[in-house]
Protein backbone atom coordinates (compact mmCIF):
# COMPACT_ATOMS: atom_id res chain seq x y z
CA UNK A 1 20.13 -205.32 120.46
CA UNK A 2 17.17 -205.23 118.61
CA UNK A 3 14.39 -207.63 119.23
CA UNK A 4 15.08 -208.49 115.39
CA UNK A 5 18.56 -208.81 115.35
CA UNK A 6 18.30 -211.76 118.44
CA UNK A 7 15.47 -213.49 116.54
CA UNK A 8 18.04 -213.72 113.92
CA UNK A 9 20.51 -215.21 115.72
CA UNK A 10 18.72 -217.83 117.89
CA UNK A 11 15.99 -218.44 116.36
CA UNK A 12 16.25 -221.68 113.47
CA UNK A 13 14.46 -220.15 110.19
CA UNK A 14 14.88 -222.35 107.29
CA UNK A 15 14.15 -220.47 104.06
CA UNK A 16 12.70 -221.40 100.52
CA UNK A 17 15.48 -222.89 98.55
CA UNK A 18 14.47 -220.77 95.59
CA UNK A 19 14.83 -217.14 97.74
CA UNK A 20 18.63 -218.33 97.85
CA UNK A 21 19.40 -219.85 94.77
CA UNK A 22 21.64 -217.76 92.88
CA UNK A 23 21.37 -217.68 88.42
CA UNK A 24 24.12 -219.68 88.41
CA UNK A 25 22.94 -222.34 90.59
CA UNK A 26 19.83 -221.98 89.21
CA UNK A 27 21.36 -222.83 85.59
CA UNK A 28 23.71 -225.86 86.93
CA UNK A 29 20.58 -227.40 88.62
CA UNK A 30 18.63 -227.26 85.56
CA UNK A 31 21.43 -228.99 84.14
CA UNK A 32 21.77 -231.27 86.15
CA UNK A 33 18.01 -232.36 86.56
CA UNK A 34 17.94 -233.01 82.81
CA UNK A 35 20.68 -235.53 83.46
CA UNK A 36 18.54 -237.07 86.25
CA UNK A 37 15.71 -237.34 83.77
CA UNK A 38 18.00 -239.50 81.40
CA UNK A 39 18.73 -241.67 83.74
CA UNK A 40 15.35 -242.40 85.18
CA UNK A 41 13.97 -242.91 81.51
CA UNK A 42 16.82 -245.47 81.05
CA UNK A 43 16.83 -246.96 84.81
CA UNK A 44 13.30 -248.66 85.65
CA UNK A 45 14.88 -251.12 87.13
CA UNK A 46 17.88 -252.03 89.36
CA UNK A 47 19.59 -253.78 86.72
CA UNK A 48 18.88 -251.01 84.11
CA UNK A 49 20.65 -248.76 86.88
CA UNK A 50 23.32 -251.10 87.08
CA UNK A 51 23.94 -251.15 83.23
CA UNK A 52 22.99 -247.66 82.88
CA UNK A 53 26.09 -246.74 85.62
CA UNK A 54 28.64 -249.39 84.97
CA UNK A 55 28.39 -247.52 81.21
CA UNK A 56 29.15 -244.26 82.44
CA UNK A 57 31.83 -245.19 84.93
CA UNK A 58 33.77 -247.02 82.64
CA UNK A 59 33.42 -243.95 80.04
CA UNK A 60 35.03 -241.78 83.30
CA UNK A 61 37.93 -244.57 83.95
CA UNK A 62 36.80 -246.76 86.23
CA UNK A 63 37.67 -250.51 86.14
CA UNK A 64 36.83 -253.39 87.49
CA UNK A 65 38.31 -254.41 90.98
CA UNK A 66 39.98 -257.70 90.97
CA UNK A 67 41.53 -259.24 94.44
CA UNK A 68 44.91 -258.42 94.84
CA UNK A 69 45.30 -255.47 92.59
CA UNK A 70 47.35 -253.04 93.34
CA UNK A 71 45.32 -249.48 93.68
CA UNK A 72 47.02 -246.40 93.93
CA UNK A 73 45.46 -242.44 94.58
CA UNK A 74 43.22 -241.53 91.85
CA UNK A 75 42.41 -245.24 90.59
CA UNK A 76 39.07 -246.09 89.83
CA UNK A 77 37.29 -249.00 90.56
CA UNK A 78 33.60 -250.78 90.56
CA UNK A 79 32.74 -254.05 91.16
CA UNK A 80 29.10 -255.12 89.63
CA UNK A 81 27.33 -257.70 92.17
CA UNK A 82 25.50 -259.85 89.50
CA UNK A 83 24.04 -257.05 87.79
CA UNK A 84 21.58 -255.82 90.25
CA UNK A 85 24.35 -253.88 92.63
CA UNK A 86 27.07 -252.37 92.28
CA UNK A 87 29.80 -250.60 94.22
CA UNK A 88 32.40 -248.02 93.04
CA UNK A 89 35.49 -246.09 94.62
CA UNK A 90 37.97 -243.68 94.09
CA UNK A 91 40.85 -244.30 95.94
CA UNK A 92 42.33 -241.35 98.11
CA UNK A 93 45.60 -239.89 99.13
CA UNK A 94 45.20 -240.71 102.66
CA UNK A 95 45.70 -244.07 104.23
CA UNK A 96 42.44 -246.49 104.88
CA UNK A 97 43.26 -246.66 108.25
CA UNK A 98 41.71 -242.98 108.30
CA UNK A 99 38.65 -244.84 106.77
CA UNK A 100 36.45 -244.00 103.54
CA UNK A 101 33.23 -241.56 102.91
CA UNK A 102 30.80 -243.73 101.78
CA UNK A 103 27.31 -242.81 100.23
CA UNK A 104 24.38 -245.47 100.50
CA UNK A 105 21.41 -245.81 98.28
CA UNK A 106 19.39 -247.80 96.75
CA UNK A 107 18.38 -248.56 93.02
CA UNK A 108 14.92 -251.06 93.20
CA UNK A 109 11.36 -249.65 93.66
CA UNK A 110 8.20 -250.88 94.40
CA UNK A 111 6.81 -253.09 91.50
CA UNK A 112 4.63 -255.84 90.64
CA UNK A 113 6.77 -258.93 89.63
CA UNK A 114 5.64 -261.94 87.08
CA UNK A 115 5.42 -265.05 88.99
CA UNK A 116 6.80 -268.15 87.76
CA UNK A 117 3.87 -269.61 85.71
CA UNK A 118 2.54 -266.59 84.65
CA UNK A 119 0.90 -266.70 81.42
CA UNK A 120 -3.13 -268.22 81.43
CA UNK A 121 -6.28 -267.48 80.07
CA UNK A 122 -9.80 -266.73 81.48
CA UNK A 123 -12.96 -265.68 79.48
CA UNK A 124 -10.78 -265.08 76.15
CA UNK A 125 -8.59 -262.79 77.94
CA UNK A 126 -4.73 -263.47 78.03
CA UNK A 127 -3.17 -262.37 81.40
CA UNK A 128 0.22 -262.66 83.76
CA UNK A 129 -0.47 -263.44 87.39
CA UNK A 130 1.84 -261.07 89.40
CA UNK A 131 3.18 -260.54 92.49
CA UNK A 132 4.13 -257.09 94.17
CA UNK A 133 7.34 -256.17 95.20
CA UNK A 134 7.34 -253.74 98.22
CA UNK A 135 5.08 -251.17 99.90
CA UNK A 136 2.66 -250.54 97.45
CA UNK A 137 -1.57 -249.28 97.50
CA UNK A 138 -2.62 -251.88 95.31
CA UNK A 139 -5.42 -249.97 93.80
CA UNK A 140 -2.99 -247.27 92.65
CA UNK A 141 -1.64 -249.91 89.88
CA UNK A 142 -4.79 -250.70 88.19
CA UNK A 143 -6.02 -248.75 84.88
CA UNK A 144 -2.26 -246.95 84.52
CA UNK A 145 -0.02 -247.37 81.32
CA UNK A 146 2.47 -249.96 82.09
CA UNK A 147 4.96 -251.48 80.89
CA UNK A 148 6.97 -255.14 80.73
CA UNK A 149 11.02 -254.74 81.50
CA UNK A 150 13.54 -257.35 82.36
CA UNK A 151 15.27 -260.94 81.14
CA UNK A 152 14.69 -264.04 80.45
CA UNK A 153 17.35 -266.74 80.53
CA UNK A 154 16.31 -269.84 78.01
CA UNK A 155 17.45 -273.33 78.79
CA UNK A 156 20.50 -272.96 76.25
CA UNK A 157 21.77 -270.11 78.25
CA UNK A 158 20.79 -267.24 75.87
CA UNK A 159 19.73 -264.38 77.92
CA UNK A 160 17.18 -262.18 76.37
CA UNK A 161 16.53 -258.60 77.29
CA UNK A 162 12.70 -257.59 77.03
CA UNK A 163 11.41 -254.11 77.11
CA UNK A 164 7.85 -253.68 75.89
CA UNK A 165 5.76 -249.88 76.55
CA UNK A 166 8.06 -247.39 76.38
CA UNK A 167 8.94 -246.53 72.50
CA UNK A 168 5.96 -244.79 71.12
CA UNK A 169 5.20 -247.46 68.93
CA UNK A 170 5.00 -250.17 71.53
CA UNK A 171 1.99 -251.51 73.03
CA UNK A 172 1.30 -250.72 76.55
CA UNK A 173 -0.48 -253.07 79.36
CA UNK A 174 -3.16 -252.54 81.97
CA UNK A 175 -4.34 -253.99 85.47
CA UNK A 176 -8.14 -253.87 85.18
CA UNK A 177 -10.62 -252.50 87.64
CA UNK A 178 -13.83 -252.42 88.07
CA UNK A 179 -16.37 -250.11 86.62
CA UNK A 180 -18.47 -247.73 88.99
CA UNK A 181 -21.79 -248.76 88.05
CA UNK A 182 -21.21 -251.98 89.53
CA UNK A 183 -18.88 -251.25 92.41
CA UNK A 184 -21.21 -250.91 95.08
CA UNK A 185 -19.21 -253.83 97.45
CA UNK A 186 -16.34 -252.83 96.26
CA UNK A 187 -16.41 -248.86 97.26
CA UNK A 188 -17.51 -250.41 101.60
CA UNK A 189 -14.40 -252.16 101.58
CA UNK A 190 -11.33 -250.36 103.12
CA UNK A 191 -8.59 -249.13 100.39
CA UNK A 192 -6.73 -252.10 101.69
CA UNK A 193 -9.01 -254.19 100.35
CA UNK A 194 -10.61 -252.81 97.35
CA UNK A 195 -8.11 -254.35 94.87
CA UNK A 196 -6.35 -257.85 96.10
CA UNK A 197 -2.67 -259.02 95.52
CA UNK A 198 -4.02 -261.77 92.85
CA UNK A 199 -6.87 -259.50 90.62
CA UNK A 200 -3.20 -257.10 89.87
CA UNK A 201 -3.38 -259.33 86.80
CA UNK A 202 -1.92 -257.55 83.59
CA UNK A 203 -4.00 -258.23 80.57
CA UNK A 204 -1.89 -259.01 77.54
CA UNK A 205 -4.46 -259.64 74.33
CA UNK A 206 -7.62 -260.72 73.70
CA UNK A 207 -7.32 -262.11 69.80
CA UNK A 208 -6.94 -266.06 69.04
CA UNK A 209 -4.13 -267.39 66.98
CA UNK A 210 -5.27 -267.58 63.03
CA UNK A 211 -7.19 -270.70 62.50
CA UNK A 212 -7.01 -272.17 66.05
CA UNK A 213 -9.85 -274.07 67.08
CA UNK A 214 -8.23 -275.36 70.56
CA UNK A 215 -8.02 -274.67 74.06
CA UNK A 216 -6.37 -271.59 75.54
CA UNK A 217 -6.53 -269.68 72.25
CA UNK A 218 -5.57 -266.11 73.40
CA UNK A 219 -2.65 -267.93 75.38
CA UNK A 220 -1.37 -269.30 72.47
CA UNK A 221 -1.36 -266.58 70.48
CA UNK A 222 0.48 -264.28 73.42
CA UNK A 223 2.95 -266.81 73.01
CA UNK A 224 3.42 -266.70 69.50
CA UNK A 225 4.34 -263.51 69.41
CA UNK A 226 6.48 -263.73 72.22
CA UNK A 227 8.14 -266.74 70.36
CA UNK A 228 8.11 -264.96 67.27
CA UNK A 229 9.99 -261.89 68.53
CA UNK A 230 12.70 -263.25 71.56
CA UNK A 231 12.06 -266.79 70.40
CA UNK A 232 10.89 -267.76 74.30
CA UNK A 233 8.66 -270.47 75.46
CA UNK A 234 6.35 -270.98 78.15
CA UNK A 235 8.72 -273.17 79.86
CA UNK A 236 11.07 -270.10 79.67
CA UNK A 237 9.20 -268.13 81.93
CA UNK A 238 10.59 -270.73 85.08
CA UNK A 239 13.76 -268.62 84.65
CA UNK A 240 12.56 -265.19 83.90
CA UNK A 241 12.66 -262.37 85.93
CA UNK A 242 10.40 -259.52 84.45
CA UNK A 243 8.96 -256.76 86.27
CA UNK A 244 6.10 -254.89 85.61
CA UNK A 245 6.71 -250.97 86.17
CA UNK A 246 4.70 -247.46 84.76
CA UNK A 247 4.87 -246.88 81.65
CA UNK A 248 6.43 -243.34 80.68
CA UNK A 249 9.05 -240.68 81.15
CA UNK A 250 9.95 -238.60 83.82
CA UNK A 251 7.92 -235.08 83.28
CA UNK A 252 8.42 -231.67 84.52
CA UNK A 253 5.27 -231.19 87.19
CA UNK A 254 3.57 -227.43 87.20
CA UNK A 255 3.26 -224.41 85.77
CA UNK A 256 6.91 -223.32 86.90
CA UNK A 257 8.00 -226.46 85.88
CA UNK A 258 9.72 -226.92 89.55
CA UNK A 259 9.04 -230.51 90.03
CA UNK A 260 10.00 -234.16 88.32
CA UNK A 261 7.26 -236.62 88.29
CA UNK A 262 8.40 -239.99 87.80
CA UNK A 263 8.21 -243.79 88.79
CA UNK A 264 10.69 -244.79 91.13
CA UNK A 265 12.58 -241.52 92.41
CA UNK A 266 12.54 -243.71 95.73
CA UNK A 267 15.51 -244.21 95.70
CA UNK A 268 16.84 -243.41 92.39
CA UNK A 269 17.22 -239.94 92.73
CA UNK A 270 19.58 -240.44 95.60
CA UNK A 271 21.14 -243.21 93.81
CA UNK A 272 22.20 -240.50 90.70
CA UNK A 273 22.70 -237.93 93.24
CA UNK A 274 25.21 -240.18 95.00
CA UNK A 275 27.23 -241.50 91.78
CA UNK A 276 27.42 -238.39 90.03
CA UNK A 277 29.94 -236.34 91.81
CA UNK A 278 32.15 -239.73 92.34
CA UNK A 279 32.62 -239.15 88.23
CA UNK A 280 34.29 -235.47 88.95
CA UNK A 281 36.57 -236.70 92.05
CA UNK A 282 40.65 -236.57 91.23
CA UNK A 283 42.40 -237.76 94.30
CA UNK A 284 40.09 -237.37 97.00
CA UNK A 285 41.95 -236.97 100.45
CA UNK A 286 39.91 -240.09 101.96
CA UNK A 287 38.62 -243.05 99.51
CA UNK A 288 35.37 -242.23 98.35
CA UNK A 289 32.72 -244.91 98.35
CA UNK A 290 29.73 -245.15 96.44
CA UNK A 291 27.00 -248.41 97.16
CA UNK A 292 24.21 -248.75 95.19
CA UNK A 293 22.20 -251.47 96.59
CA UNK A 294 19.33 -253.77 95.95
CA UNK A 295 16.34 -255.07 97.70
CA UNK A 296 16.08 -252.04 100.26
CA UNK A 297 12.45 -252.48 99.55
CA UNK A 298 11.54 -255.72 100.91
CA UNK A 299 14.42 -255.74 103.80
CA UNK A 300 17.54 -255.19 102.29
CA UNK A 301 18.18 -259.11 101.85
CA UNK A 302 19.53 -261.45 99.67
CA UNK A 303 23.12 -261.87 97.23
CA UNK A 304 22.20 -258.36 96.14
CA UNK A 305 20.95 -256.47 99.37
CA UNK A 306 22.79 -254.02 101.93
CA UNK A 307 23.23 -256.79 104.39
CA UNK A 308 24.80 -258.98 101.85
CA UNK A 309 28.74 -259.94 102.47
CA UNK A 310 29.66 -258.15 98.73
CA UNK A 311 30.13 -254.70 100.54
CA UNK A 312 32.42 -256.68 102.78
CA UNK A 313 34.33 -258.28 100.20
CA UNK A 314 34.69 -254.98 97.85
CA UNK A 315 35.55 -252.98 101.09
CA UNK A 316 38.47 -256.24 101.85
CA UNK A 317 40.11 -256.05 98.63
CA UNK A 318 40.67 -252.34 98.67
CA UNK A 319 41.82 -252.81 102.42
CA UNK A 320 44.23 -255.59 101.08
CA UNK A 321 46.37 -253.45 98.76
CA UNK A 322 47.26 -251.48 101.34
CA UNK A 323 47.52 -253.98 104.14
CA UNK A 324 45.17 -252.39 106.00
CA UNK A 325 42.19 -253.80 108.87
CA UNK A 326 39.23 -253.84 107.20
CA UNK A 327 37.68 -253.22 110.83
CA UNK A 328 39.64 -250.58 111.82
CA UNK A 329 39.24 -249.14 108.61
CA UNK A 330 35.51 -249.45 108.95
CA UNK A 331 35.97 -247.74 112.39
CA UNK A 332 37.02 -244.31 110.82
CA UNK A 333 34.44 -244.18 108.18
CA UNK A 334 31.24 -242.40 107.24
CA UNK A 335 28.29 -242.83 105.73
CA UNK A 336 25.23 -240.60 104.61
CA UNK A 337 23.00 -242.89 103.93
CA UNK A 338 21.42 -241.35 100.98
CA UNK A 339 17.19 -242.40 100.75
CA UNK A 340 14.33 -240.50 100.46
CA UNK A 341 12.07 -238.96 102.82
CA UNK A 342 8.50 -237.59 102.93
CA UNK A 343 7.82 -233.90 101.77
CA UNK A 344 5.24 -232.73 103.71
CA UNK A 345 1.50 -232.74 102.09
CA UNK A 346 -1.23 -230.07 103.29
CA UNK A 347 -3.97 -232.50 101.92
CA UNK A 348 -2.74 -235.29 104.80
CA UNK A 349 -1.52 -232.73 107.55
CA UNK A 350 -2.82 -235.15 110.17
CA UNK A 351 -0.27 -238.10 109.23
CA UNK A 352 3.10 -235.63 110.20
CA UNK A 353 4.64 -233.68 113.00
CA UNK A 354 4.72 -230.22 110.87
CA UNK A 355 7.88 -228.90 112.63
CA UNK A 356 9.92 -231.56 112.18
CA UNK A 357 9.06 -233.03 108.69
CA UNK A 358 10.77 -232.05 105.49
CA UNK A 359 9.21 -229.83 102.70
CA UNK A 360 9.41 -229.48 99.32
CA UNK A 361 12.04 -226.59 98.21
CA UNK A 362 14.03 -226.63 101.49
CA UNK A 363 17.01 -228.92 100.45
CA UNK A 364 18.28 -232.09 101.14
CA UNK A 365 16.16 -233.89 104.25
CA UNK A 366 18.53 -235.04 107.22
CA UNK A 367 17.11 -237.58 109.02
CA UNK A 368 18.65 -238.42 112.55
CA UNK A 369 16.60 -241.64 112.90
CA UNK A 370 14.02 -244.00 111.01
CA UNK A 371 12.49 -246.88 112.43
CA UNK A 372 8.69 -247.10 113.41
CA UNK A 373 6.76 -246.19 117.37
CA UNK A 374 9.54 -245.61 119.31
CA UNK A 375 12.17 -245.80 116.36
CA UNK A 376 12.18 -249.35 116.41
CA UNK A 377 14.32 -250.49 113.88
CA UNK A 378 15.90 -247.40 113.57
CA UNK A 379 19.65 -246.14 113.36
CA UNK A 380 19.78 -243.33 115.62
CA UNK A 381 22.52 -240.99 114.79
CA UNK A 382 24.49 -239.76 117.60
CA UNK A 383 25.05 -235.56 118.09
CA UNK A 384 28.30 -235.96 116.83
CA UNK A 385 27.46 -237.21 113.86
CA UNK A 386 25.01 -235.05 113.65
CA UNK A 387 27.37 -231.88 113.79
CA UNK A 388 29.47 -233.41 111.52
CA UNK A 389 27.23 -233.26 108.77
CA UNK A 390 25.92 -229.91 109.67
CA UNK A 391 29.52 -228.56 109.27
CA UNK A 392 30.10 -230.45 106.07
CA UNK A 393 27.41 -228.98 104.63
CA UNK A 394 27.81 -225.34 105.93
CA UNK A 395 31.00 -225.18 104.38
CA UNK A 396 30.07 -226.64 101.35
CA UNK A 397 26.93 -224.47 100.67
CA UNK A 398 24.56 -227.24 100.83
CA UNK A 399 21.08 -225.95 102.13
CA UNK A 400 19.41 -228.64 104.23
CA UNK A 401 16.36 -229.24 106.29
CA UNK A 402 15.56 -231.86 109.58
CA UNK A 403 13.48 -234.38 108.11
CA UNK A 404 11.40 -237.31 110.07
CA UNK A 405 9.02 -239.75 108.68
CA UNK A 406 5.40 -238.79 110.11
CA UNK A 407 3.83 -238.71 113.64
CA UNK A 408 5.09 -240.97 116.57
CA UNK A 409 2.41 -243.50 116.22
CA UNK A 410 1.29 -242.96 112.78
CA UNK A 411 3.70 -245.65 111.12
CA UNK A 412 7.54 -244.95 109.93
CA UNK A 413 9.99 -246.81 107.98
CA UNK A 414 14.07 -247.64 107.58
CA UNK A 415 16.51 -247.79 105.06
CA UNK A 416 20.07 -249.16 104.35
CA UNK A 417 21.65 -246.93 107.24
CA UNK A 418 20.86 -249.35 110.39
CA UNK A 419 23.29 -252.30 108.05
CA UNK A 420 26.07 -249.51 107.21
CA UNK A 421 25.80 -248.42 111.12
CA UNK A 422 26.17 -252.40 112.34
CA UNK A 423 29.69 -252.61 111.14
CA UNK A 424 30.65 -249.77 112.87
CA UNK A 425 30.19 -247.23 110.70
CA UNK A 426 28.89 -243.39 111.58
CA UNK A 427 26.00 -243.36 109.55
CA UNK A 428 23.52 -240.65 109.14
CA UNK A 429 20.35 -240.73 107.15
CA UNK A 430 19.83 -238.00 104.19
CA UNK A 431 18.33 -237.60 100.87
CA UNK A 432 15.49 -236.14 98.64
CA UNK A 433 12.00 -234.94 100.18
CA UNK A 434 9.34 -236.90 98.33
CA UNK A 435 5.56 -236.44 97.38
CA UNK A 436 3.47 -239.58 96.74
CA UNK A 437 6.19 -241.96 97.70
CA UNK A 438 5.71 -245.39 96.63
CA UNK A 439 2.91 -244.28 94.26
CA UNK A 440 3.38 -245.20 90.33
CA UNK A 441 4.32 -241.38 90.06
CA UNK A 442 6.17 -239.70 92.95
CA UNK A 443 6.92 -236.17 92.86
CA UNK A 444 10.87 -234.38 93.58
CA UNK A 445 11.58 -230.54 93.93
CA UNK A 446 14.52 -229.84 91.21
CA UNK A 447 15.89 -228.10 94.08
CA UNK A 448 15.89 -230.79 96.60
CA UNK A 449 17.47 -232.91 94.07
CA UNK A 450 20.36 -230.37 93.44
CA UNK A 451 21.13 -229.73 96.74
CA UNK A 452 21.37 -233.87 97.07
CA UNK A 453 23.43 -233.80 94.61
CA UNK A 454 25.89 -231.50 96.33
CA UNK A 455 25.61 -232.98 99.60
CA UNK A 456 27.03 -235.96 98.49
CA UNK A 457 29.84 -234.09 96.49
CA UNK A 458 30.75 -232.70 100.17
CA UNK A 459 30.87 -235.95 102.08
CA UNK A 460 33.37 -237.41 99.33
CA UNK A 461 35.52 -233.96 100.08
CA UNK A 462 34.96 -234.90 103.27
CA UNK A 463 36.72 -232.12 106.05
């Protein structure tokens, strides 16, 4: 046997995705990425993602799951959890005693939230006070175009939906930063200290209400505009949920257009990849379940997070239709926790173990464990679970790579996998490698997006 043959047989040598891509697959990839880009343009918040998903699901025949509903193979059901998260299922031909196949992603992203009493004026400039949500580098959110998305609940029960800054005719918003000429003190600070949370104040306006000679003229002018367009008053901010996100659309990046740049790839890139294949399922062998959760960026807590009881309630109602024990169903189930991982960045090689880090254009990243420093907080998948995923992907032509989140002592992170595993569900992490994760614009490879979608479809198919 030649050394070259031995090398091919024994060494693990991943190949660049574009060296494996057929012409037919490339067409499929581009079509998929166009659909994904449209989703990203329409769904910059978890509320918008749920609205978009419900609309697509209902067009595909999904119906709200009601307790006591009789379910048969091929039935399509979903539960909208208060407009902030959603769970969907296609009932399979096998008994729920054999478990279900689950994909679980999250649809929230780091951002700035408007405080409950946000509107103020200082030096004749009207501002919104904000509170950042999730892990951000605060300096990245200054001097970029921003938009306002969200809802306002008025005292009379009326709900107002607000989106300002996305249409070409809309104004945009901005957080200011200090000019370089006066930044001597600021530049001596660390990146973490250069901009504080209380300096992330959104500029709303600088002109007074015509003819007004009282105090807070700019604040009153801004309120007048909001009242005229939306009928809201200052007190309504107390029952509002307004978020500040980067303005603009998902765009192709690079002369070869191989990357997609957008806000919120983490983790809507995996959410869309998890949801879309569900629409094409007819009657899977095992029931296929897709969970799109909220609050992952702050610990998966709260009524719409992955730790809430909503998932159990949904699954309990499905199991009740077959008189199956929920715990027995969980024990025989499999979950692919579909969250992004970090792509190796040669500009910052010192942060990663290059041998074990995911790279752009090498397919979906399989992450045996996340956590930080000694696997703290990790869901550490077993050899059996990893072997199942390897075999499943091989059978379905899914190109994959191994992934870890940085060097051992560098930091780390976690996702919803631990909470699924805590339910006695075999769980493995997998997702799209991302450059500039948690930045106002993140980068992903079209090829990796496509392979992640194929991975989710393979999970629903099962073995």
